[in-house]
Amino acid sequence: MSDQPATRRRAGMGTARLEAFTDGVVAIIITIMVLELKVPSGGDLRDLAGSAPVLFAYALSFVNVGLYWNNHHHMLHATDRIDGRVLWANLFLLFWLSLVPFVIRWQDDTGFAPGATAAYGIVLGLAAVGYQMTERAIVACNGPQSAVARAVGRDWKGRGSIAIYAAAVPLSYVSRRIAIALYVAVVAIWLVPDRRIARQFE
């Protein structure tokens, strides 16, 4: 009986608490994002025109956070166990996602200034790094033949996203439109259905 807890520790922990914690944090992030939206001063639909840029930033960010939540859910569903490395990598991911409402507010207050636009890319780029770290920590914990390892492979999609963010940040000081177009491109890449993990179960 005394050996069972040690055996469980060596084998790793279950994923239920990590998934529940991540779901809660993501729900709070989305709630804060919508609470940060400013209500137009007028009562006509034309008064929404002044809020269009921040509404666009909110919609883009909502989809971004939703994509992280969706992919995170599927990844954990394919994961047998986690360890301390996974927990810390996941916290790194959640830290940067929690800053999304902050950079949206900064963009709104500064009229999408180059620095605020660059900061948006830095936050999303480091969130992408955090997701990669979580993914790799899960693979390390579950082994190279695990479902997650077989599904993600070298994950060129994830690495490509980080490269696009890295290019978009300095481009924010050259052309904000190009930088924002690159942020949208990353979302478009991930909106394409990715059935790699689903195929592992099939």
C-alpha atoms as a PDB file:
ATOM      1  CA  MET A   1       0.000   0.000   0.000  1.00  0.00           C
ATOM      2  CA  SER A   2       2.810   2.443   0.819  1.00  0.00           C
ATOM      3  CA  ASP A   3       4.305   2.044  -2.648  1.00  0.00           C
ATOM      4  CA  GLN A   4       1.163   3.142  -4.518  1.00  0.00           C
ATOM      5  CA  PRO A   5       1.509   6.952  -4.075  1.00  0.00           C
ATOM      6  CA  ALA A   6       5.160   6.790  -5.183  1.00  0.00           C
ATOM      7  CA  THR A   7       4.155   4.740  -8.216  1.00  0.00           C
ATOM      8  CA  ARG A   8       1.518   7.304  -9.163  1.00  0.00           C
ATOM      9  CA  ARG A   9       4.042  10.117  -8.805  1.00  0.00           C
ATOM     10  CA  ARG A  10       6.495   8.354 -11.105  1.00  0.00           C
ATOM     11  CA  ALA A  11       3.772   7.606 -13.638  1.00  0.00           C
ATOM     12  CA  GLY A  12       2.582  11.206 -13.681  1.00  0.00           C
ATOM     13  CA  MET A  13      -0.636  12.976 -12.796  1.00  0.00           C
ATOM     14  CA  GLY A  14      -4.019  12.994 -14.470  1.00  0.00           C
ATOM     15  CA  THR A  15      -5.112  15.870 -16.688  1.00  0.00           C
ATOM     16  CA  ALA A  16      -8.551  16.663 -15.210  1.00  0.00           C
ATOM     17  CA  ARG A  17      -7.467  19.409 -12.787  1.00  0.00           C
ATOM     18  CA  LEU A  18      -5.196  21.070 -15.338  1.00  0.00           C
ATOM     19  CA  GLU A  19      -7.971  21.142 -17.918  1.00  0.00           C
ATOM     20  CA  ALA A  20     -10.479  22.521 -15.396  1.00  0.00           C
ATOM     21  CA  PHE A  21      -8.049  25.223 -14.257  1.00  0.00           C
ATOM     22  CA  THR A  22      -7.254  26.235 -17.843  1.00  0.00           C
ATOM     23  CA  ASP A  23     -10.957  26.349 -18.735  1.00  0.00           C
ATOM     24  CA  GLY A  24     -11.607  28.659 -15.779  1.00  0.00           C
ATOM     25  CA  VAL A  25      -8.767  31.036 -16.655  1.00  0.00           C
ATOM     26  CA  VAL A  26      -9.806  31.201 -20.310  1.00  0.00           C
ATOM     27  CA  ALA A  27     -13.393  31.974 -19.296  1.00  0.00           C
ATOM     28  CA  ILE A  28     -12.162  34.837 -17.097  1.00  0.00           C
ATOM     29  CA  ILE A  29      -9.945  36.200 -19.894  1.00  0.00           C
ATOM     30  CA  ILE A  30     -12.865  36.278 -22.339  1.00  0.00           C
ATOM     31  CA  THR A  31     -15.092  37.918 -19.725  1.00  0.00           C
ATOM     32  CA  ILE A  32     -12.521  40.647 -19.044  1.00  0.00           C
ATOM     33  CA  MET A  33     -12.106  41.268 -22.777  1.00  0.00           C
ATOM     34  CA  VAL A  34     -15.789  41.987 -23.293  1.00  0.00           C
ATOM     35  CA  LEU A  35     -16.026  44.087 -20.118  1.00  0.00           C
ATOM     36  CA  GLU A  36     -13.217  46.307 -21.453  1.00  0.00           C
ATOM     37  CA  LEU A  37     -15.271  47.296 -24.507  1.00  0.00           C
ATOM     38  CA  LYS A  38     -16.496  50.871 -24.335  1.00  0.00           C
ATOM     39  CA  VAL A  39     -20.155  51.547 -25.035  1.00  0.00           C
ATOM     40  CA  PRO A  40     -20.729  54.140 -27.822  1.00  0.00           C
ATOM     41  CA  SER A  41     -21.864  57.532 -26.556  1.00  0.00           C
ATOM     42  CA  GLY A  42     -24.775  57.746 -28.998  1.00  0.00           C
ATOM     43  CA  GLY A  43     -27.808  55.532 -29.473  1.00  0.00           C
ATOM     44  CA  ASP A  44     -27.619  55.113 -33.241  1.00  0.00           C
ATOM     45  CA  LEU A  45     -25.965  52.252 -35.100  1.00  0.00           C
ATOM     46  CA  ARG A  46     -23.771  54.824 -36.856  1.00  0.00           C
ATOM     47  CA  ASP A  47     -22.194  55.551 -33.470  1.00  0.00           C
ATOM     48  CA  LEU A  48     -20.658  52.069 -33.601  1.00  0.00           C
ATOM     49  CA  ALA A  49     -18.340  53.230 -36.403  1.00  0.00           C
ATOM     50  CA  GLY A  50     -15.971  54.806 -33.894  1.00  0.00           C
ATOM     51  CA  SER A  51     -15.786  51.505 -32.006  1.00  0.00           C
ATOM     52  CA  ALA A  52     -15.130  49.404 -35.105  1.00  0.00           C
ATOM     53  CA  PRO A  53     -11.331  49.104 -34.639  1.00  0.00           C
ATOM     54  CA  VAL A  54     -11.554  47.897 -31.036  1.00  0.00           C
ATOM     55  CA  LEU A  55     -14.458  45.592 -31.912  1.00  0.00           C
ATOM     56  CA  PHE A  56     -12.251  44.096 -34.611  1.00  0.00           C
ATOM     57  CA  ALA A  57      -9.413  43.652 -32.080  1.00  0.00           C
ATOM     58  CA  TYR A  58     -11.861  42.029 -29.668  1.00  0.00           C
ATOM     59  CA  ALA A  59     -13.199  39.634 -32.328  1.00  0.00           C
ATOM     60  CA  LEU A  60      -9.671  38.699 -33.451  1.00  0.00           C
ATOM     61  CA  SER A  61      -8.592  38.139 -29.851  1.00  0.00           C
ATOM     62  CA  PHE A  62     -11.725  36.146 -29.014  1.00  0.00           C
ATOM     63  CA  VAL A  63     -11.028  33.795 -31.920  1.00  0.00           C
ATOM     64  CA  ASN A  64      -7.355  33.554 -30.894  1.00  0.00           C
ATOM     65  CA  VAL A  65      -8.163  32.652 -27.301  1.00  0.00           C
ATOM     66  CA  GLY A  66     -10.882  30.290 -28.506  1.00  0.00           C
ATOM     67  CA  LEU A  67      -8.427  28.506 -30.783  1.00  0.00           C
ATOM     68  CA  TYR A  68      -5.985  28.036 -27.913  1.00  0.00           C
ATOM     69  CA  TRP A  69      -8.774  26.664 -25.729  1.00  0.00           C
ATOM     70  CA  ASN A  70     -10.012  24.326 -28.477  1.00  0.00           C
ATOM     71  CA  ASN A  71      -6.581  22.943 -29.352  1.00  0.00           C
ATOM     72  CA  HIS A  72      -5.596  22.710 -25.679  1.00  0.00           C
ATOM     73  CA  HIS A  73      -8.752  20.682 -24.973  1.00  0.00           C
ATOM     74  CA  HIS A  74      -8.021  18.226 -27.777  1.00  0.00           C
ATOM     75  CA  MET A  75      -4.378  17.915 -26.782  1.00  0.00           C
ATOM     76  CA  LEU A  76      -5.223  17.102 -23.165  1.00  0.00           C
ATOM     77  CA  HIS A  77      -7.900  14.671 -24.316  1.00  0.00           C
ATOM     78  CA  ALA A  78      -5.122  12.747 -26.078  1.00  0.00           C
ATOM     79  CA  THR A  79      -2.797  12.964 -23.062  1.00  0.00           C
ATOM     80  CA  ASP A  80      -2.518  10.114 -20.555  1.00  0.00           C
ATOM     81  CA  ARG A  81      -0.532  11.934 -17.877  1.00  0.00           C
ATOM     82  CA  ILE A  82       1.238  15.175 -17.029  1.00  0.00           C
ATOM     83  CA  ASP A  83       4.056  16.240 -14.718  1.00  0.00           C
ATOM     84  CA  GLY A  84       5.498  19.394 -13.191  1.00  0.00           C
ATOM     85  CA  ARG A  85       7.042  20.527 -16.470  1.00  0.00           C
ATOM     86  CA  VAL A  86       3.626  20.466 -18.119  1.00  0.00           C
ATOM     87  CA  LEU A  87       2.106  22.479 -15.259  1.00  0.00           C
ATOM     88  CA  TRP A  88       4.732  25.228 -15.489  1.00  0.00           C
ATOM     89  CA  ALA A  89       4.611  25.364 -19.290  1.00  0.00           C
ATOM     90  CA  ASN A  90       0.821  25.643 -19.115  1.00  0.00           C
ATOM     91  CA  LEU A  91       1.106  28.490 -16.597  1.00  0.00           C
ATOM     92  CA  PHE A  92       3.486  30.264 -18.985  1.00  0.00           C
ATOM     93  CA  LEU A  93       0.846  29.948 -21.711  1.00  0.00           C
ATOM     94  CA  LEU A  94      -1.936  31.240 -19.459  1.00  0.00           C
ATOM     95  CA  PHE A  95       0.181  34.178 -18.274  1.00  0.00           C
ATOM     96  CA  TRP A  96       0.519  35.546 -21.792  1.00  0.00           C
ATOM     97  CA  LEU A  97      -3.102  34.837 -22.673  1.00  0.00           C
ATOM     98  CA  SER A  98      -4.152  36.760 -19.560  1.00  0.00           C
ATOM     99  CA  LEU A  99      -2.414  39.852 -20.992  1.00  0.00           C
ATOM    100  CA  VAL A 100      -4.584  39.886 -24.119  1.00  0.00           C
ATOM    101  CA  PRO A 101      -7.241  42.189 -22.545  1.00  0.00           C
ATOM    102  CA  PHE A 102      -4.445  44.561 -21.469  1.00  0.00           C
ATOM    103  CA  VAL A 103      -2.987  44.953 -24.960  1.00  0.00           C
ATOM    104  CA  ILE A 104      -6.468  45.366 -26.473  1.00  0.00           C
ATOM    105  CA  ARG A 105      -7.107  48.237 -24.058  1.00  0.00           C
ATOM    106  CA  TRP A 106      -3.700  49.746 -24.868  1.00  0.00           C
ATOM    107  CA  GLN A 107      -4.464  49.605 -28.585  1.00  0.00           C
ATOM    108  CA  ASP A 108      -7.834  51.260 -28.048  1.00  0.00           C
ATOM    109  CA  ASP A 109      -6.451  54.034 -25.832  1.00  0.00           C
ATOM    110  CA  THR A 110      -3.609  54.876 -28.241  1.00  0.00           C
ATOM    111  CA  GLY A 111      -5.490  54.541 -31.535  1.00  0.00           C
ATOM    112  CA  PHE A 112      -3.536  51.412 -32.464  1.00  0.00           C
ATOM    113  CA  ALA A 113      -0.139  53.069 -32.087  1.00  0.00           C
ATOM    114  CA  PRO A 114       2.855  51.111 -33.440  1.00  0.00           C
ATOM    115  CA  GLY A 115       4.089  50.206 -29.954  1.00  0.00           C
ATOM    116  CA  ALA A 116       0.687  48.904 -28.867  1.00  0.00           C
ATOM    117  CA  THR A 117       0.293  46.968 -32.109  1.00  0.00           C
ATOM    118  CA  ALA A 118       3.736  45.432 -31.612  1.00  0.00           C
ATOM    119  CA  ALA A 119       2.896  44.562 -28.002  1.00  0.00           C
ATOM    120  CA  TYR A 120      -0.194  42.719 -29.218  1.00  0.00           C
ATOM    121  CA  GLY A 121       2.030  40.568 -31.427  1.00  0.00           C
ATOM    122  CA  ILE A 122       4.522  39.988 -28.614  1.00  0.00           C
ATOM    123  CA  VAL A 123       1.770  38.769 -26.279  1.00  0.00           C
ATOM    124  CA  LEU A 124       0.246  36.453 -28.883  1.00  0.00           C
ATOM    125  CA  GLY A 125       3.669  35.261 -30.021  1.00  0.00           C
ATOM    126  CA  LEU A 126       4.751  34.359 -26.503  1.00  0.00           C
ATOM    127  CA  ALA A 127       1.405  32.636 -25.952  1.00  0.00           C
ATOM    128  CA  ALA A 128       2.245  30.560 -29.039  1.00  0.00           C
ATOM    129  CA  VAL A 129       5.634  29.777 -27.483  1.00  0.00           C
ATOM    130  CA  GLY A 130       3.846  28.759 -24.286  1.00  0.00           C
ATOM    131  CA  TYR A 131       1.578  26.405 -26.200  1.00  0.00           C
ATOM    132  CA  GLN A 132       4.608  24.861 -27.898  1.00  0.00           C
ATOM    133  CA  MET A 133       6.305  24.450 -24.520  1.00  0.00           C
ATOM    134  CA  THR A 134       3.193  22.756 -23.111  1.00  0.00           C
ATOM    135  CA  GLU A 135       2.973  20.498 -26.133  1.00  0.00           C
ATOM    136  CA  ARG A 136       6.637  19.484 -25.912  1.00  0.00           C
ATOM    137  CA  ALA A 137       6.415  18.932 -22.154  1.00  0.00           C
ATOM    138  CA  ILE A 138       3.454  16.605 -22.692  1.00  0.00           C
ATOM    139  CA  VAL A 139       5.377  14.685 -25.349  1.00  0.00           C
ATOM    140  CA  ALA A 140       8.370  14.395 -23.002  1.00  0.00           C
ATOM    141  CA  CYS A 141       6.117  13.105 -20.216  1.00  0.00           C
ATOM    142  CA  ASN A 142       4.181  10.607 -22.352  1.00  0.00           C
ATOM    143  CA  GLY A 143       6.934   9.434 -24.678  1.00  0.00           C
ATOM    144  CA  PRO A 144       7.730   9.678 -28.404  1.00  0.00           C
ATOM    145  CA  GLN A 145       5.146   7.012 -29.296  1.00  0.00           C
ATOM    146  CA  SER A 146       2.279   8.708 -27.470  1.00  0.00           C
ATOM    147  CA  ALA A 147      -0.827   9.927 -29.301  1.00  0.00           C
ATOM    148  CA  VAL A 148       0.176  13.579 -28.910  1.00  0.00           C
ATOM    149  CA  ALA A 149       3.713  12.948 -30.168  1.00  0.00           C
ATOM    150  CA  ARG A 150       2.442  11.110 -33.245  1.00  0.00           C
ATOM    151  CA  ALA A 151      -0.181  13.767 -33.906  1.00  0.00           C
ATOM    152  CA  VAL A 152       1.964  16.905 -33.718  1.00  0.00           C
ATOM    153  CA  GLY A 153       5.167  15.561 -35.235  1.00  0.00           C
ATOM    154  CA  ARG A 154       7.492  18.511 -35.746  1.00  0.00           C
ATOM    155  CA  ASP A 155       4.513  20.884 -35.606  1.00  0.00           C
ATOM    156  CA  TRP A 156       5.448  23.137 -38.506  1.00  0.00           C
ATOM    157  CA  LYS A 157       2.106  24.884 -38.082  1.00  0.00           C
ATOM    158  CA  GLY A 158       2.995  26.005 -34.549  1.00  0.00           C
ATOM    159  CA  ARG A 159       6.537  26.982 -35.452  1.00  0.00           C
ATOM    160  CA  GLY A 160       5.330  28.869 -38.505  1.00  0.00           C
ATOM    161  CA  SER A 161       2.900  30.855 -36.355  1.00  0.00           C
ATOM    162  CA  ILE A 162       5.713  31.930 -34.035  1.00  0.00           C
ATOM    163  CA  ALA A 163       7.797  32.972 -37.055  1.00  0.00           C
ATOM    164  CA  ILE A 164       4.918  35.098 -38.393  1.00  0.00           C
ATOM    165  CA  TYR A 165       4.528  36.842 -35.037  1.00  0.00           C
ATOM    166  CA  ALA A 166       8.286  37.448 -34.917  1.00  0.00           C
ATOM    167  CA  ALA A 167       8.065  39.145 -38.319  1.00  0.00           C
ATOM    168  CA  ALA A 168       4.911  41.115 -37.493  1.00  0.00           C
ATOM    169  CA  VAL A 169       6.273  42.770 -34.335  1.00  0.00           C
ATOM    170  CA  PRO A 170       9.016  44.874 -36.014  1.00  0.00           C
ATOM    171  CA  LEU A 171       6.729  45.442 -39.025  1.00  0.00           C
ATOM    172  CA  SER A 172       4.299  47.199 -36.668  1.00  0.00           C
ATOM    173  CA  TYR A 173       6.672  50.186 -36.762  1.00  0.00           C
ATOM    174  CA  VAL A 174       6.741  50.144 -40.580  1.00  0.00           C
ATOM    175  CA  SER A 175       3.103  49.408 -41.401  1.00  0.00           C
ATOM    176  CA  ARG A 176       0.468  48.614 -38.805  1.00  0.00           C
ATOM    177  CA  ARG A 177      -1.829  47.278 -41.514  1.00  0.00           C
ATOM    178  CA  ILE A 178       0.725  44.692 -42.610  1.00  0.00           C
ATOM    179  CA  ALA A 179       1.316  43.642 -38.997  1.00  0.00           C
ATOM    180  CA  ILE A 180      -2.408  43.264 -38.335  1.00  0.00           C
ATOM    181  CA  ALA A 181      -2.804  41.355 -41.612  1.00  0.00           C
ATOM    182  CA  LEU A 182      -0.155  38.915 -40.374  1.00  0.00           C
ATOM    183  CA  TYR A 183      -2.011  38.498 -37.069  1.00  0.00           C
ATOM    184  CA  VAL A 184      -5.135  37.678 -39.062  1.00  0.00           C
ATOM    185  CA  ALA A 185      -3.124  35.240 -41.209  1.00  0.00           C
ATOM    186  CA  VAL A 186      -2.138  33.244 -38.129  1.00  0.00           C
ATOM    187  CA  VAL A 187      -5.802  32.943 -37.134  1.00  0.00           C
ATOM    188  CA  ALA A 188      -6.679  31.851 -40.681  1.00  0.00           C
ATOM    189  CA  ILE A 189      -4.017  29.140 -40.544  1.00  0.00           C
ATOM    190  CA  TRP A 190      -5.456  27.685 -37.343  1.00  0.00           C
ATOM    191  CA  LEU A 191      -9.092  28.008 -38.440  1.00  0.00           C
ATOM    192  CA  VAL A 192      -8.413  25.328 -41.037  1.00  0.00           C
ATOM    193  CA  PRO A 193      -9.593  22.094 -39.366  1.00  0.00           C
ATOM    194  CA  ASP A 194      -6.663  20.144 -37.955  1.00  0.00           C
ATOM    195  CA  ARG A 195      -7.506  16.468 -37.558  1.00  0.00           C
ATOM    196  CA  ARG A 196      -4.076  15.214 -36.543  1.00  0.00           C
ATOM    197  CA  ILE A 197      -5.090  14.271 -33.008  1.00  0.00           C
ATOM    198  CA  ALA A 198      -8.497  12.952 -34.086  1.00  0.00           C
ATOM    199  CA  ARG A 199      -6.766  10.641 -36.576  1.00  0.00           C
ATOM    200  CA  GLN A 200      -4.733   9.116 -33.749  1.00  0.00           C
ATOM    201  CA  PHE A 201      -7.943   7.973 -32.032  1.00  0.00           C
ATOM    202  CA  GLU A 202      -9.372   6.677 -35.275  1.00  0.00           C
END
